[in-house]
Full PDB file with SEQRES, HELIX, SHEET, SSBOND, CRYST1, ORIGX, SCALE, CONECT and MASTER records, all heavy atoms in Angstrom:
SEQRES   1 A   36  PHE LEU PRO GLY MET VAL LEU THR GLY LEU TRP MET TRP          
SEQRES   2 A   36  LYS GLY HIS VAL LEU ARG ARG LEU ILE SER THR ARG SER          
SEQRES   3 A   36  ALA GLN GLN ASP ALA GLU VAL ALA GLY TYR                      
HELIX    1 AA1 LEU A    2  GLY A   35  1                                  34    
CRYST1    1.000    1.000    1.000  90.00  90.00  90.00 P 1           1          
ORIGX1      1.000000  0.000000  0.000000        0.00000                         
ORIGX2      0.000000  1.000000  0.000000        0.00000                         
ORIGX3      0.000000  0.000000  1.000000        0.00000                         
SCALE1      1.000000  0.000000  0.000000        0.00000                         
SCALE2      0.000000  1.000000  0.000000        0.00000                         
SCALE3      0.000000  0.000000  1.000000        0.00000                         
ATOM      1  N   PHE A   1     -17.984 -30.155  22.692  1.00  0.00           N  
ATOM      2  CA  PHE A   1     -18.719 -29.644  23.890  1.00  0.00           C  
ATOM      3  C   PHE A   1     -17.821 -29.626  25.152  1.00  0.00           C  
ATOM      4  O   PHE A   1     -17.825 -28.619  25.836  1.00  0.00           O  
ATOM      5  CB  PHE A   1     -19.910 -30.586  24.179  1.00  0.00           C  
ATOM      6  CG  PHE A   1     -20.989 -30.545  23.008  1.00  0.00           C  
ATOM      7  CD1 PHE A   1     -21.284 -31.701  22.420  1.00  0.00           C  
ATOM      8  CD2 PHE A   1     -21.476 -29.314  22.579  1.00  0.00           C  
ATOM      9  CE1 PHE A   1     -22.193 -31.687  21.339  1.00  0.00           C  
ATOM     10  CE2 PHE A   1     -22.368 -29.287  21.572  1.00  0.00           C  
ATOM     11  CZ  PHE A   1     -22.694 -30.480  20.943  1.00  0.00           C  
ATOM     12  N   LEU A   2     -17.103 -30.726  25.412  1.00  0.00           N  
ATOM     13  CA  LEU A   2     -16.201 -30.688  26.633  1.00  0.00           C  
ATOM     14  C   LEU A   2     -15.151 -29.662  26.519  1.00  0.00           C  
ATOM     15  O   LEU A   2     -14.961 -28.849  27.468  1.00  0.00           O  
ATOM     16  CB  LEU A   2     -15.628 -32.040  26.922  1.00  0.00           C  
ATOM     17  CG  LEU A   2     -14.837 -32.240  28.173  1.00  0.00           C  
ATOM     18  CD1 LEU A   2     -15.810 -32.000  29.361  1.00  0.00           C  
ATOM     19  CD2 LEU A   2     -14.258 -33.565  28.285  1.00  0.00           C  
ATOM     20  N   PRO A   3     -14.354 -29.564  25.392  1.00  0.00           N  
ATOM     21  CA  PRO A   3     -13.370 -28.483  25.315  1.00  0.00           C  
ATOM     22  C   PRO A   3     -13.929 -27.053  25.412  1.00  0.00           C  
ATOM     23  O   PRO A   3     -13.348 -26.210  26.041  1.00  0.00           O  
ATOM     24  CB  PRO A   3     -12.606 -28.746  24.070  1.00  0.00           C  
ATOM     25  CG  PRO A   3     -12.829 -30.167  23.731  1.00  0.00           C  
ATOM     26  CD  PRO A   3     -14.246 -30.470  24.251  1.00  0.00           C  
ATOM     27  N   GLY A   4     -15.090 -26.863  24.781  1.00  0.00           N  
ATOM     28  CA  GLY A   4     -15.725 -25.563  24.804  1.00  0.00           C  
ATOM     29  C   GLY A   4     -16.173 -25.193  26.283  1.00  0.00           C  
ATOM     30  O   GLY A   4     -15.949 -24.074  26.723  1.00  0.00           O  
ATOM     31  N   MET A   5     -16.685 -26.149  26.947  1.00  0.00           N  
ATOM     32  CA  MET A   5     -17.100 -25.914  28.328  1.00  0.00           C  
ATOM     33  C   MET A   5     -15.904 -25.587  29.202  1.00  0.00           C  
ATOM     34  O   MET A   5     -15.969 -24.817  30.005  1.00  0.00           O  
ATOM     35  CB  MET A   5     -17.849 -27.121  28.858  1.00  0.00           C  
ATOM     36  CG  MET A   5     -18.584 -26.816  30.128  1.00  0.00           C  
ATOM     37  SD  MET A   5     -19.544 -28.137  30.756  1.00  0.00           S  
ATOM     38  CE  MET A   5     -18.356 -29.219  31.440  1.00  0.00           C  
ATOM     39  N   VAL A   6     -14.859 -26.389  29.074  1.00  0.00           N  
ATOM     40  CA  VAL A   6     -13.598 -26.120  29.780  1.00  0.00           C  
ATOM     41  C   VAL A   6     -13.064 -24.761  29.521  1.00  0.00           C  
ATOM     42  O   VAL A   6     -12.635 -24.038  30.448  1.00  0.00           O  
ATOM     43  CB  VAL A   6     -12.563 -27.179  29.552  1.00  0.00           C  
ATOM     44  CG1 VAL A   6     -11.278 -26.880  30.148  1.00  0.00           C  
ATOM     45  CG2 VAL A   6     -13.078 -28.626  30.102  1.00  0.00           C  
ATOM     46  N   LEU A   7     -13.015 -24.453  28.313  1.00  0.00           N  
ATOM     47  CA  LEU A   7     -12.429 -23.030  27.963  1.00  0.00           C  
ATOM     48  C   LEU A   7     -13.281 -21.920  28.490  1.00  0.00           C  
ATOM     49  O   LEU A   7     -12.776 -20.903  29.002  1.00  0.00           O  
ATOM     50  CB  LEU A   7     -12.268 -22.962  26.462  1.00  0.00           C  
ATOM     51  CG  LEU A   7     -11.123 -23.811  25.805  1.00  0.00           C  
ATOM     52  CD1 LEU A   7     -11.174 -23.669  24.306  1.00  0.00           C  
ATOM     53  CD2 LEU A   7      -9.763 -23.381  26.332  1.00  0.00           C  
ATOM     54  N   THR A   8     -14.583 -21.996  28.339  1.00  0.00           N  
ATOM     55  CA  THR A   8     -15.412 -20.944  28.883  1.00  0.00           C  
ATOM     56  C   THR A   8     -15.343 -20.924  30.373  1.00  0.00           C  
ATOM     57  O   THR A   8     -15.346 -19.820  31.030  1.00  0.00           O  
ATOM     58  CB  THR A   8     -16.840 -21.124  28.473  1.00  0.00           C  
ATOM     59  OG1 THR A   8     -17.370 -22.357  28.815  1.00  0.00           O  
ATOM     60  CG2 THR A   8     -17.019 -20.885  26.966  1.00  0.00           C  
ATOM     61  N   GLY A   9     -15.262 -22.031  31.063  1.00  0.00           N  
ATOM     62  CA  GLY A   9     -15.107 -22.157  32.534  1.00  0.00           C  
ATOM     63  C   GLY A   9     -13.804 -21.435  32.929  1.00  0.00           C  
ATOM     64  O   GLY A   9     -13.748 -20.704  33.943  1.00  0.00           O  
ATOM     65  N   LEU A  10     -12.664 -21.826  32.300  1.00  0.00           N  
ATOM     66  CA  LEU A  10     -11.432 -21.197  32.597  1.00  0.00           C  
ATOM     67  C   LEU A  10     -11.422 -19.708  32.288  1.00  0.00           C  
ATOM     68  O   LEU A  10     -10.786 -18.900  33.060  1.00  0.00           O  
ATOM     69  CB  LEU A  10     -10.342 -21.872  31.789  1.00  0.00           C  
ATOM     70  CG  LEU A  10      -9.860 -23.244  32.201  1.00  0.00           C  
ATOM     71  CD1 LEU A  10      -8.898 -23.833  31.294  1.00  0.00           C  
ATOM     72  CD2 LEU A  10      -9.291 -23.250  33.632  1.00  0.00           C  
ATOM     73  N   TRP A  11     -12.026 -19.321  31.257  1.00  0.00           N  
ATOM     74  CA  TRP A  11     -12.167 -17.866  30.936  1.00  0.00           C  
ATOM     75  C   TRP A  11     -12.923 -17.085  32.101  1.00  0.00           C  
ATOM     76  O   TRP A  11     -12.478 -15.972  32.460  1.00  0.00           O  
ATOM     77  CB  TRP A  11     -12.765 -17.642  29.625  1.00  0.00           C  
ATOM     78  CG  TRP A  11     -12.797 -16.168  29.246  1.00  0.00           C  
ATOM     79  CD1 TRP A  11     -13.823 -15.309  29.434  1.00  0.00           C  
ATOM     80  CD2 TRP A  11     -11.720 -15.372  28.705  1.00  0.00           C  
ATOM     81  NE1 TRP A  11     -13.453 -14.035  28.960  1.00  0.00           N  
ATOM     82  CE2 TRP A  11     -12.160 -14.097  28.531  1.00  0.00           C  
ATOM     83  CE3 TRP A  11     -10.494 -15.746  28.306  1.00  0.00           C  
ATOM     84  CZ2 TRP A  11     -11.317 -13.069  28.071  1.00  0.00           C  
ATOM     85  CZ3 TRP A  11      -9.639 -14.722  27.809  1.00  0.00           C  
ATOM     86  CH2 TRP A  11     -10.087 -13.427  27.760  1.00  0.00           C  
ATOM     87  N   MET A  12     -14.004 -17.661  32.566  1.00  0.00           N  
ATOM     88  CA  MET A  12     -14.754 -17.089  33.644  1.00  0.00           C  
ATOM     89  C   MET A  12     -14.003 -17.065  34.902  1.00  0.00           C  
ATOM     90  O   MET A  12     -14.090 -16.150  35.717  1.00  0.00           O  
ATOM     91  CB  MET A  12     -16.111 -17.725  33.852  1.00  0.00           C  
ATOM     92  CG  MET A  12     -17.095 -17.496  32.733  1.00  0.00           C  
ATOM     93  SD  MET A  12     -18.712 -18.146  33.188  1.00  0.00           S  
ATOM     94  CE  MET A  12     -18.474 -19.868  33.250  1.00  0.00           C  
ATOM     95  N   TRP A  13     -13.128 -18.103  35.169  1.00  0.00           N  
ATOM     96  CA  TRP A  13     -12.407 -18.172  36.410  1.00  0.00           C  
ATOM     97  C   TRP A  13     -11.111 -17.280  36.448  1.00  0.00           C  
ATOM     98  O   TRP A  13     -10.852 -16.580  37.315  1.00  0.00           O  
ATOM     99  CB  TRP A  13     -12.065 -19.678  36.626  1.00  0.00           C  
ATOM    100  CG  TRP A  13     -11.303 -19.955  37.822  1.00  0.00           C  
ATOM    101  CD1 TRP A  13     -11.554 -19.539  39.123  1.00  0.00           C  
ATOM    102  CD2 TRP A  13     -10.183 -20.796  37.949  1.00  0.00           C  
ATOM    103  NE1 TRP A  13     -10.611 -20.016  40.005  1.00  0.00           N  
ATOM    104  CE2 TRP A  13      -9.748 -20.800  39.348  1.00  0.00           C  
ATOM    105  CE3 TRP A  13      -9.406 -21.510  37.025  1.00  0.00           C  
ATOM    106  CZ2 TRP A  13      -8.695 -21.553  39.749  1.00  0.00           C  
ATOM    107  CZ3 TRP A  13      -8.365 -22.232  37.493  1.00  0.00           C  
ATOM    108  CH2 TRP A  13      -7.889 -22.233  38.813  1.00  0.00           C  
ATOM    109  N   LYS A  14     -10.356 -17.482  35.334  1.00  0.00           N  
ATOM    110  CA  LYS A  14      -9.029 -16.796  35.265  1.00  0.00           C  
ATOM    111  C   LYS A  14      -8.843 -15.864  34.084  1.00  0.00           C  
ATOM    112  O   LYS A  14      -7.806 -15.478  33.656  1.00  0.00           O  
ATOM    113  CB  LYS A  14      -7.918 -17.812  35.214  1.00  0.00           C  
ATOM    114  CG  LYS A  14      -7.697 -18.481  36.521  1.00  0.00           C  
ATOM    115  CD  LYS A  14      -7.142 -17.626  37.548  1.00  0.00           C  
ATOM    116  CE  LYS A  14      -6.868 -18.401  38.869  1.00  0.00           C  
ATOM    117  NZ  LYS A  14      -6.229 -17.542  39.917  1.00  0.00           N  
ATOM    118  N   GLY A  15      -9.939 -15.381  33.534  1.00  0.00           N  
ATOM    119  CA  GLY A  15      -9.926 -14.529  32.393  1.00  0.00           C  
ATOM    120  C   GLY A  15      -9.307 -13.206  32.669  1.00  0.00           C  
ATOM    121  O   GLY A  15      -8.600 -12.554  31.885  1.00  0.00           O  
ATOM    122  N   HIS A  16      -9.477 -12.696  33.968  1.00  0.00           N  
ATOM    123  CA  HIS A  16      -8.884 -11.463  34.238  1.00  0.00           C  
ATOM    124  C   HIS A  16      -7.324 -11.472  34.240  1.00  0.00           C  
ATOM    125  O   HIS A  16      -6.656 -10.497  33.863  1.00  0.00           O  
ATOM    126  CB  HIS A  16      -9.329 -10.983  35.699  1.00  0.00           C  
ATOM    127  CG  HIS A  16      -8.848 -11.861  36.770  1.00  0.00           C  
ATOM    128  ND1 HIS A  16      -9.535 -13.104  36.973  1.00  0.00           N  
ATOM    129  CD2 HIS A  16      -7.923 -11.823  37.709  1.00  0.00           C  
ATOM    130  CE1 HIS A  16      -8.914 -13.727  38.025  1.00  0.00           C  
ATOM    131  NE2 HIS A  16      -7.987 -12.959  38.533  1.00  0.00           N  
ATOM    132  N   VAL A  17      -6.782 -12.653  34.589  1.00  0.00           N  
ATOM    133  CA  VAL A  17      -5.307 -12.808  34.523  1.00  0.00           C  
ATOM    134  C   VAL A  17      -4.829 -12.775  33.120  1.00  0.00           C  
ATOM    135  O   VAL A  17      -3.841 -12.082  32.763  1.00  0.00           O  
ATOM    136  CB  VAL A  17      -4.909 -14.093  35.266  1.00  0.00           C  
ATOM    137  CG1 VAL A  17      -3.335 -14.319  35.015  1.00  0.00           C  
ATOM    138  CG2 VAL A  17      -5.276 -14.059  36.670  1.00  0.00           C  
ATOM    139  N   LEU A  18      -5.569 -13.532  32.195  1.00  0.00           N  
ATOM    140  CA  LEU A  18      -5.205 -13.532  30.802  1.00  0.00           C  
ATOM    141  C   LEU A  18      -5.327 -12.139  30.177  1.00  0.00           C  
ATOM    142  O   LEU A  18      -4.401 -11.692  29.378  1.00  0.00           O  
ATOM    143  CB  LEU A  18      -6.079 -14.554  30.016  1.00  0.00           C  
ATOM    144  CG  LEU A  18      -5.725 -14.745  28.616  1.00  0.00           C  
ATOM    145  CD1 LEU A  18      -4.359 -15.290  28.407  1.00  0.00           C  
ATOM    146  CD2 LEU A  18      -6.726 -15.612  27.948  1.00  0.00           C  
ATOM    147  N   ARG A  19      -6.376 -11.365  30.463  1.00  0.00           N  
ATOM    148  CA  ARG A  19      -6.517 -10.013  29.989  1.00  0.00           C  
ATOM    149  C   ARG A  19      -5.355  -9.113  30.480  1.00  0.00           C  
ATOM    150  O   ARG A  19      -4.870  -8.331  29.638  1.00  0.00           O  
ATOM    151  CB  ARG A  19      -7.821  -9.414  30.350  1.00  0.00           C  
ATOM    152  CG  ARG A  19      -9.034 -10.018  29.574  1.00  0.00           C  
ATOM    153  CD  ARG A  19     -10.272  -9.155  29.806  1.00  0.00           C  
ATOM    154  NE  ARG A  19     -10.729  -9.331  31.257  1.00  0.00           N  
ATOM    155  CZ  ARG A  19     -11.559 -10.317  31.694  1.00  0.00           C  
ATOM    156  NH1 ARG A  19     -11.957 -11.217  30.951  1.00  0.00           N  
ATOM    157  NH2 ARG A  19     -11.859 -10.299  32.970  1.00  0.00           N  
ATOM    158  N   ARG A  20      -4.993  -9.303  31.684  1.00  0.00           N  
ATOM    159  CA  ARG A  20      -3.883  -8.456  32.173  1.00  0.00           C  
ATOM    160  C   ARG A  20      -2.545  -8.835  31.482  1.00  0.00           C  
ATOM    161  O   ARG A  20      -1.786  -7.932  31.180  1.00  0.00           O  
ATOM    162  CB  ARG A  20      -3.691  -8.683  33.664  1.00  0.00           C  
ATOM    163  CG  ARG A  20      -2.779  -7.700  34.349  1.00  0.00           C  
ATOM    164  CD  ARG A  20      -2.661  -7.821  35.826  1.00  0.00           C  
ATOM    165  NE  ARG A  20      -3.757  -8.511  36.521  1.00  0.00           N  
ATOM    166  CZ  ARG A  20      -3.644  -9.359  37.470  1.00  0.00           C  
ATOM    167  NH1 ARG A  20      -2.417  -9.562  38.011  1.00  0.00           N  
ATOM    168  NH2 ARG A  20      -4.708  -9.983  38.017  1.00  0.00           N  
ATOM    169  N   LEU A  21      -2.299 -10.105  31.229  1.00  0.00           N  
ATOM    170  CA  LEU A  21      -1.130 -10.495  30.539  1.00  0.00           C  
ATOM    171  C   LEU A  21      -1.078  -9.956  29.083  1.00  0.00           C  
ATOM    172  O   LEU A  21      -0.023  -9.513  28.560  1.00  0.00           O  
ATOM    173  CB  LEU A  21      -1.009 -12.043  30.480  1.00  0.00           C  
ATOM    174  CG  LEU A  21      -0.574 -12.700  31.656  1.00  0.00           C  
ATOM    175  CD1 LEU A  21      -0.674 -14.141  31.643  1.00  0.00           C  
ATOM    176  CD2 LEU A  21       0.860 -12.322  32.134  1.00  0.00           C  
ATOM    177  N   ILE A  22      -2.263 -10.080  28.347  1.00  0.00           N  
ATOM    178  CA  ILE A  22      -2.345  -9.533  27.137  1.00  0.00           C  
ATOM    179  C   ILE A  22      -2.123  -8.060  26.976  1.00  0.00           C  
ATOM    180  O   ILE A  22      -1.390  -7.531  26.206  1.00  0.00           O  
ATOM    181  CB  ILE A  22      -3.723  -9.882  26.443  1.00  0.00           C  
ATOM    182  CG1 ILE A  22      -3.785 -11.454  26.202  1.00  0.00           C  
ATOM    183  CG2 ILE A  22      -3.939  -9.194  25.101  1.00  0.00           C  
ATOM    184  CD1 ILE A  22      -5.120 -11.951  25.848  1.00  0.00           C  
ATOM    185  N   SER A  23      -2.730  -7.400  27.961  1.00  0.00           N  
ATOM    186  CA  SER A  23      -2.623  -5.853  27.871  1.00  0.00           C  
ATOM    187  C   SER A  23      -1.184  -5.493  28.308  1.00  0.00           C  
ATOM    188  O   SER A  23      -0.698  -4.475  27.718  1.00  0.00           O  
ATOM    189  CB  SER A  23      -3.595  -5.145  28.874  1.00  0.00           C  
ATOM    190  OG  SER A  23      -3.303  -5.536  30.186  1.00  0.00           O  
ATOM    191  N   THR A  24      -0.547  -6.207  29.151  1.00  0.00           N  
ATOM    192  CA  THR A  24       0.870  -5.915  29.557  1.00  0.00           C  
ATOM    193  C   THR A  24       1.792  -6.178  28.310  1.00  0.00           C  
ATOM    194  O   THR A  24       2.624  -5.282  27.988  1.00  0.00           O  
ATOM    195  CB  THR A  24       1.347  -6.823  30.624  1.00  0.00           C  
ATOM    196  OG1 THR A  24       0.498  -6.516  31.780  1.00  0.00           O  
ATOM    197  CG2 THR A  24       2.718  -6.424  31.096  1.00  0.00           C  
ATOM    198  N   ARG A  25       1.549  -7.275  27.647  1.00  0.00           N  
ATOM    199  CA  ARG A  25       2.370  -7.594  26.432  1.00  0.00           C  
ATOM    200  C   ARG A  25       2.172  -6.555  25.404  1.00  0.00           C  
ATOM    201  O   ARG A  25       3.118  -6.118  24.752  1.00  0.00           O  
ATOM    202  CB  ARG A  25       2.152  -8.960  25.954  1.00  0.00           C  
ATOM    203  CG  ARG A  25       2.711 -10.018  26.805  1.00  0.00           C  
ATOM    204  CD  ARG A  25       2.564 -11.396  26.066  1.00  0.00           C  
ATOM    205  NE  ARG A  25       3.127 -12.363  26.910  1.00  0.00           N  
ATOM    206  CZ  ARG A  25       2.808 -13.690  26.820  1.00  0.00           C  
ATOM    207  NH1 ARG A  25       1.992 -14.023  25.888  1.00  0.00           N  
ATOM    208  NH2 ARG A  25       3.338 -14.583  27.647  1.00  0.00           N  
ATOM    209  N   SER A  26       0.954  -6.183  25.176  1.00  0.00           N  
ATOM    210  CA  SER A  26       0.695  -5.176  24.085  1.00  0.00           C  
ATOM    211  C   SER A  26       1.285  -3.782  24.425  1.00  0.00           C  
ATOM    212  O   SER A  26       1.759  -3.149  23.507  1.00  0.00           O  
ATOM    213  CB  SER A  26      -0.736  -5.074  23.803  1.00  0.00           C  
ATOM    214  OG  SER A  26      -1.524  -4.471  24.884  1.00  0.00           O  
ATOM    215  N   ALA A  27       1.339  -3.469  25.742  1.00  0.00           N  
ATOM    216  CA  ALA A  27       1.909  -2.223  26.172  1.00  0.00           C  
ATOM    217  C   ALA A  27       3.390  -2.257  25.938  1.00  0.00           C  
ATOM    218  O   ALA A  27       3.954  -1.287  25.438  1.00  0.00           O  
ATOM    219  CB  ALA A  27       1.552  -1.903  27.609  1.00  0.00           C  
ATOM    220  N   GLN A  28       4.014  -3.400  26.223  1.00  0.00           N  
ATOM    221  CA  GLN A  28       5.468  -3.560  26.041  1.00  0.00           C  
ATOM    222  C   GLN A  28       5.762  -3.531  24.521  1.00  0.00           C  
ATOM    223  O   GLN A  28       6.781  -2.930  24.140  1.00  0.00           O  
ATOM    224  CB  GLN A  28       5.955  -4.881  26.669  1.00  0.00           C  
ATOM    225  CG  GLN A  28       5.905  -4.877  28.121  1.00  0.00           C  
ATOM    226  CD  GLN A  28       6.271  -6.255  28.687  1.00  0.00           C  
ATOM    227  OE1 GLN A  28       6.359  -7.270  28.024  1.00  0.00           O  
ATOM    228  NE2 GLN A  28       6.480  -6.306  30.045  1.00  0.00           N  
ATOM    229  N   GLN A  29       5.007  -4.172  23.727  1.00  0.00           N  
ATOM    230  CA  GLN A  29       5.275  -4.231  22.303  1.00  0.00           C  
ATOM    231  C   GLN A  29       5.064  -2.868  21.739  1.00  0.00           C  
ATOM    232  O   GLN A  29       5.864  -2.408  20.828  1.00  0.00           O  
ATOM    233  CB  GLN A  29       4.261  -5.171  21.597  1.00  0.00           C  
ATOM    234  CG  GLN A  29       4.671  -6.621  21.855  1.00  0.00           C  
ATOM    235  CD  GLN A  29       3.605  -7.601  21.281  1.00  0.00           C  
ATOM    236  OE1 GLN A  29       2.545  -7.249  20.897  1.00  0.00           O  
ATOM    237  NE2 GLN A  29       3.860  -8.848  21.441  1.00  0.00           N  
ATOM    238  N   ASP A  30       4.131  -2.007  22.162  1.00  0.00           N  
ATOM    239  CA  ASP A  30       3.957  -0.759  21.676  1.00  0.00           C  
ATOM    240  C   ASP A  30       5.127   0.179  22.044  1.00  0.00           C  
ATOM    241  O   ASP A  30       5.632   0.970  21.267  1.00  0.00           O  
ATOM    242  CB  ASP A  30       2.681  -0.045  22.248  1.00  0.00           C  
ATOM    243  CG  ASP A  30       1.421  -0.674  21.774  1.00  0.00           C  
ATOM    244  OD1 ASP A  30       1.493  -1.354  20.715  1.00  0.00           O  
ATOM    245  OD2 ASP A  30       0.362  -0.494  22.344  1.00  0.00           O  
ATOM    246  N   ALA A  31       5.712  -0.023  23.246  1.00  0.00           N  
ATOM    247  CA  ALA A  31       6.839   0.703  23.667  1.00  0.00           C  
ATOM    248  C   ALA A  31       8.130   0.349  22.868  1.00  0.00           C  
ATOM    249  O   ALA A  31       8.877   1.165  22.467  1.00  0.00           O  
ATOM    250  CB  ALA A  31       7.162   0.455  25.183  1.00  0.00           C  
ATOM    251  N   GLU A  32       8.212  -0.927  22.525  1.00  0.00           N  
ATOM    252  CA  GLU A  32       9.350  -1.371  21.660  1.00  0.00           C  
ATOM    253  C   GLU A  32       9.267  -0.825  20.296  1.00  0.00           C  
ATOM    254  O   GLU A  32      10.183  -0.375  19.753  1.00  0.00           O  
ATOM    255  CB  GLU A  32       9.303  -2.959  21.656  1.00  0.00           C  
ATOM    256  CG  GLU A  32       9.811  -3.606  22.932  1.00  0.00           C  
ATOM    257  CD  GLU A  32       9.709  -5.068  22.912  1.00  0.00           C  
ATOM    258  OE1 GLU A  32       9.269  -5.620  21.882  1.00  0.00           O  
ATOM    259  OE2 GLU A  32       9.924  -5.688  23.943  1.00  0.00           O  
ATOM    260  N   VAL A  33       8.041  -0.822  19.779  1.00  0.00           N  
ATOM    261  CA  VAL A  33       7.871  -0.257  18.394  1.00  0.00           C  
ATOM    262  C   VAL A  33       8.120   1.271  18.436  1.00  0.00           C  
ATOM    263  O   VAL A  33       8.704   1.773  17.521  1.00  0.00           O  
ATOM    264  CB  VAL A  33       6.398  -0.583  17.898  1.00  0.00           C  
ATOM    265  CG1 VAL A  33       6.030   0.241  16.702  1.00  0.00           C  
ATOM    266  CG2 VAL A  33       6.215  -2.051  17.684  1.00  0.00           C  
ATOM    267  N   ALA A  34       7.724   1.921  19.474  1.00  0.00           N  
ATOM    268  CA  ALA A  34       7.904   3.376  19.490  1.00  0.00           C  
ATOM    269  C   ALA A  34       9.447   3.640  19.662  1.00  0.00           C  
ATOM    270  O   ALA A  34       9.992   4.612  19.040  1.00  0.00           O  
ATOM    271  CB  ALA A  34       7.209   4.018  20.637  1.00  0.00           C  
ATOM    272  N   GLY A  35      10.110   2.841  20.439  1.00  0.00           N  
ATOM    273  CA  GLY A  35      11.591   2.923  20.607  1.00  0.00           C  
ATOM    274  C   GLY A  35      12.290   2.709  19.292  1.00  0.00           C  
ATOM    275  O   GLY A  35      13.221   3.378  18.931  1.00  0.00           O  
ATOM    276  N   TYR A  36      11.876   1.707  18.523  1.00  0.00           N  
ATOM    277  CA  TYR A  36      12.494   1.409  17.269  1.00  0.00           C  
ATOM    278  C   TYR A  36      12.205   2.523  16.306  1.00  0.00           C  
ATOM    279  O   TYR A  36      13.107   2.851  15.500  1.00  0.00           O  
ATOM    280  CB  TYR A  36      11.892   0.086  16.720  1.00  0.00           C  
ATOM    281  CG  TYR A  36      12.439  -0.299  15.369  1.00  0.00           C  
ATOM    282  CD1 TYR A  36      13.718  -0.835  15.244  1.00  0.00           C  
ATOM    283  CD2 TYR A  36      11.658  -0.187  14.271  1.00  0.00           C  
ATOM    284  CE1 TYR A  36      14.218  -1.156  14.032  1.00  0.00           C  
ATOM    285  CE2 TYR A  36      12.172  -0.526  13.040  1.00  0.00           C  
ATOM    286  CZ  TYR A  36      13.412  -1.040  12.878  1.00  0.00           C  
ATOM    287  OH  TYR A  36      13.943  -1.335  11.740  1.00  0.00           O  
TER     288      TYR A  36                                                      
MASTER        0    0    0    1    0    0    0    6  287    1    0    3          
END                                                                             
């Protein structure tokens, strides 16, 4: 219960930053794969 509550709280608080990091990394990986 405590770890689940902490994770959902962090996701609501800073989830937008994590989503931006994930989308940036996936865009970079797609560019690397296309270059390869």
